[in-house]
N, C-alpha and C. Protein backbone atom coordinates (compact mmCIF):
# COMPACT_ATOMS: atom_id res chain seq x y z
N MET A 1 -13.87 -46.25 2.84
CA MET A 1 -13.76 -45.41 4.01
C MET A 1 -12.61 -44.42 3.86
N LYS A 2 -11.52 -44.86 3.31
CA LYS A 2 -10.38 -43.99 3.12
C LYS A 2 -10.70 -42.86 2.14
N ASP A 3 -11.51 -43.15 1.12
CA ASP A 3 -11.89 -42.14 0.14
C ASP A 3 -12.68 -41.01 0.79
N ASN A 4 -13.57 -41.32 1.70
CA ASN A 4 -14.37 -40.30 2.38
C ASN A 4 -13.49 -39.37 3.21
N GLN A 5 -12.48 -39.92 3.85
CA GLN A 5 -11.59 -39.10 4.66
C GLN A 5 -10.78 -38.15 3.77
N ASP A 6 -10.36 -38.62 2.62
CA ASP A 6 -9.59 -37.79 1.70
C ASP A 6 -10.42 -36.62 1.20
N ARG A 7 -11.66 -36.85 0.90
CA ARG A 7 -12.52 -35.78 0.41
C ARG A 7 -12.74 -34.72 1.49
N GLY A 8 -12.94 -35.14 2.70
CA GLY A 8 -13.15 -34.19 3.79
C GLY A 8 -11.93 -33.32 4.02
N ALA A 9 -10.77 -33.90 3.91
CA ALA A 9 -9.54 -33.13 4.09
C ALA A 9 -9.36 -32.14 2.95
N GLY A 10 -9.75 -32.52 1.77
CA GLY A 10 -9.63 -31.64 0.61
C GLY A 10 -10.52 -30.42 0.75
N GLU A 11 -11.72 -30.60 1.26
CA GLU A 11 -12.63 -29.47 1.44
C GLU A 11 -12.10 -28.53 2.51
N GLY A 12 -11.52 -29.07 3.56
CA GLY A 12 -10.94 -28.23 4.61
C GLY A 12 -9.78 -27.41 4.08
N ASP A 13 -8.97 -28.04 3.24
CA ASP A 13 -7.84 -27.33 2.64
C ASP A 13 -8.32 -26.19 1.75
N ALA A 14 -9.41 -26.41 1.04
CA ALA A 14 -9.96 -25.37 0.16
C ALA A 14 -10.42 -24.17 1.00
N ASP A 15 -11.03 -24.44 2.16
CA ASP A 15 -11.47 -23.36 3.04
C ASP A 15 -10.27 -22.58 3.57
N VAL A 16 -9.23 -23.29 3.92
CA VAL A 16 -8.02 -22.64 4.43
C VAL A 16 -7.39 -21.78 3.33
N LYS A 17 -7.33 -22.31 2.11
CA LYS A 17 -6.76 -21.57 1.00
C LYS A 17 -7.59 -20.32 0.69
N ASP A 18 -8.92 -20.46 0.74
CA ASP A 18 -9.79 -19.31 0.49
C ASP A 18 -9.61 -18.24 1.54
N SER A 19 -9.53 -18.64 2.81
CA SER A 19 -9.37 -17.64 3.86
C SER A 19 -8.00 -16.98 3.77
N ARG A 20 -6.99 -17.76 3.41
CA ARG A 20 -5.65 -17.19 3.24
C ARG A 20 -5.64 -16.21 2.08
N ARG A 21 -6.28 -16.59 0.99
CA ARG A 21 -6.35 -15.71 -0.18
C ARG A 21 -7.07 -14.41 0.18
N ASP A 22 -8.14 -14.50 0.95
CA ASP A 22 -8.87 -13.30 1.36
C ASP A 22 -8.00 -12.41 2.25
N ARG A 23 -7.27 -13.02 3.18
CA ARG A 23 -6.39 -12.23 4.05
C ARG A 23 -5.29 -11.55 3.25
N LEU A 24 -4.73 -12.27 2.28
CA LEU A 24 -3.68 -11.68 1.46
C LEU A 24 -4.23 -10.55 0.59
N LYS A 25 -5.43 -10.74 0.07
CA LYS A 25 -6.06 -9.68 -0.73
C LYS A 25 -6.26 -8.42 0.09
N LEU A 26 -6.76 -8.61 1.30
CA LEU A 26 -7.00 -7.47 2.20
C LEU A 26 -5.68 -6.79 2.57
N ALA A 27 -4.66 -7.57 2.87
CA ALA A 27 -3.37 -6.99 3.23
C ALA A 27 -2.78 -6.23 2.05
N LEU A 28 -2.90 -6.76 0.86
CA LEU A 28 -2.38 -6.09 -0.32
C LEU A 28 -3.11 -4.78 -0.57
N ARG A 29 -4.43 -4.80 -0.40
CA ARG A 29 -5.23 -3.59 -0.60
C ARG A 29 -4.85 -2.51 0.42
N GLU A 30 -4.68 -2.91 1.69
CA GLU A 30 -4.30 -1.95 2.73
C GLU A 30 -2.90 -1.40 2.47
N ASN A 31 -1.99 -2.25 2.01
CA ASN A 31 -0.64 -1.82 1.70
C ASN A 31 -0.65 -0.79 0.56
N LEU A 32 -1.46 -1.05 -0.46
CA LEU A 32 -1.56 -0.13 -1.58
C LEU A 32 -2.11 1.23 -1.13
N LYS A 33 -3.13 1.21 -0.28
CA LYS A 33 -3.70 2.46 0.24
C LYS A 33 -2.64 3.23 1.02
N ARG A 34 -1.87 2.53 1.85
CA ARG A 34 -0.85 3.17 2.66
C ARG A 34 0.24 3.78 1.78
N ARG A 35 0.67 3.05 0.76
CA ARG A 35 1.71 3.56 -0.13
C ARG A 35 1.22 4.76 -0.93
N LYS A 36 -0.03 4.74 -1.36
CA LYS A 36 -0.58 5.89 -2.09
C LYS A 36 -0.63 7.11 -1.19
N SER A 37 -1.03 6.90 0.05
CA SER A 37 -1.10 7.99 1.00
C SER A 37 0.29 8.58 1.25
N GLN A 38 1.29 7.72 1.40
CA GLN A 38 2.65 8.18 1.60
C GLN A 38 3.15 8.96 0.38
N ALA A 39 2.83 8.49 -0.80
CA ALA A 39 3.26 9.16 -2.02
C ALA A 39 2.61 10.54 -2.12
N ARG A 40 1.34 10.62 -1.76
CA ARG A 40 0.66 11.92 -1.78
C ARG A 40 1.31 12.87 -0.79
N GLY A 41 1.66 12.36 0.38
CA GLY A 41 2.30 13.18 1.39
C GLY A 41 3.65 13.68 0.93
N ARG A 42 4.39 12.83 0.24
CA ARG A 42 5.70 13.25 -0.25
C ARG A 42 5.57 14.30 -1.33
N SER A 43 4.60 14.13 -2.23
CA SER A 43 4.45 15.11 -3.31
C SER A 43 3.97 16.44 -2.76
N ASP A 44 3.15 16.45 -1.73
CA ASP A 44 2.69 17.69 -1.11
C ASP A 44 3.85 18.42 -0.45
N VAL A 45 4.70 17.70 0.24
CA VAL A 45 5.84 18.30 0.92
C VAL A 45 6.82 18.85 -0.11
N GLY A 46 7.07 18.11 -1.17
CA GLY A 46 8.00 18.56 -2.20
C GLY A 46 7.52 19.82 -2.89
N ALA A 47 6.25 19.93 -3.17
CA ALA A 47 5.70 21.10 -3.85
C ALA A 47 5.78 22.32 -2.95
N SER A 48 5.48 22.17 -1.67
CA SER A 48 5.49 23.32 -0.78
C SER A 48 6.91 23.80 -0.51
N SER A 49 7.89 22.90 -0.45
CA SER A 49 9.26 23.32 -0.20
C SER A 49 9.84 24.03 -1.43
N GLU A 50 9.44 23.62 -2.62
CA GLU A 50 9.93 24.29 -3.82
C GLU A 50 9.42 25.72 -3.88
N THR A 51 8.17 25.94 -3.56
CA THR A 51 7.63 27.29 -3.60
C THR A 51 8.23 28.14 -2.49
N ALA A 52 8.52 27.54 -1.35
CA ALA A 52 9.13 28.29 -0.25
C ALA A 52 10.54 28.71 -0.62
N ASP A 53 11.30 27.83 -1.26
CA ASP A 53 12.65 28.17 -1.68
C ASP A 53 12.63 29.25 -2.75
N ALA A 54 11.69 29.18 -3.65
CA ALA A 54 11.60 30.18 -4.71
C ALA A 54 11.29 31.55 -4.13
N SER A 55 10.40 31.60 -3.15
CA SER A 55 10.06 32.90 -2.56
C SER A 55 11.25 33.47 -1.79
N LEU A 56 12.05 32.64 -1.16
CA LEU A 56 13.22 33.12 -0.45
C LEU A 56 14.26 33.67 -1.42
N ASP A 57 14.45 32.94 -2.53
CA ASP A 57 15.40 33.41 -3.53
C ASP A 57 14.94 34.73 -4.15
N ASP A 58 13.64 34.85 -4.42
CA ASP A 58 13.11 36.06 -5.02
C ASP A 58 13.25 37.25 -4.08
N ALA A 59 13.08 37.04 -2.80
CA ALA A 59 13.14 38.13 -1.84
C ALA A 59 14.56 38.66 -1.68
N SER A 60 15.55 37.80 -1.78
CA SER A 60 16.94 38.24 -1.57
C SER A 60 17.50 38.92 -2.81
N GLY A 61 16.94 38.60 -3.96
CA GLY A 61 17.43 39.20 -5.18
C GLY A 61 18.65 38.51 -5.74
N GLU A 62 19.15 37.49 -5.06
CA GLU A 62 20.32 36.76 -5.52
C GLU A 62 19.91 35.40 -6.04
N LYS A 63 20.69 34.90 -6.99
CA LYS A 63 20.45 33.55 -7.50
C LYS A 63 21.52 32.64 -6.95
N PRO A 64 21.17 31.40 -6.60
CA PRO A 64 22.17 30.47 -6.03
C PRO A 64 23.21 30.07 -7.02
């Protein structure tokens, strides 16, 4: 009788571990998407500010 109870508990633990693993996988994937999006946003801002600074320097005729 004790053996049957142990097996049942083991199967429940496996389900909990699988669901936890799935949640962690999903969270990791969402985190990666968010970080990629942030990196793209930073690179877009950096590129546009560099061109804006260059055009201002070119218009004044002076070098910093």
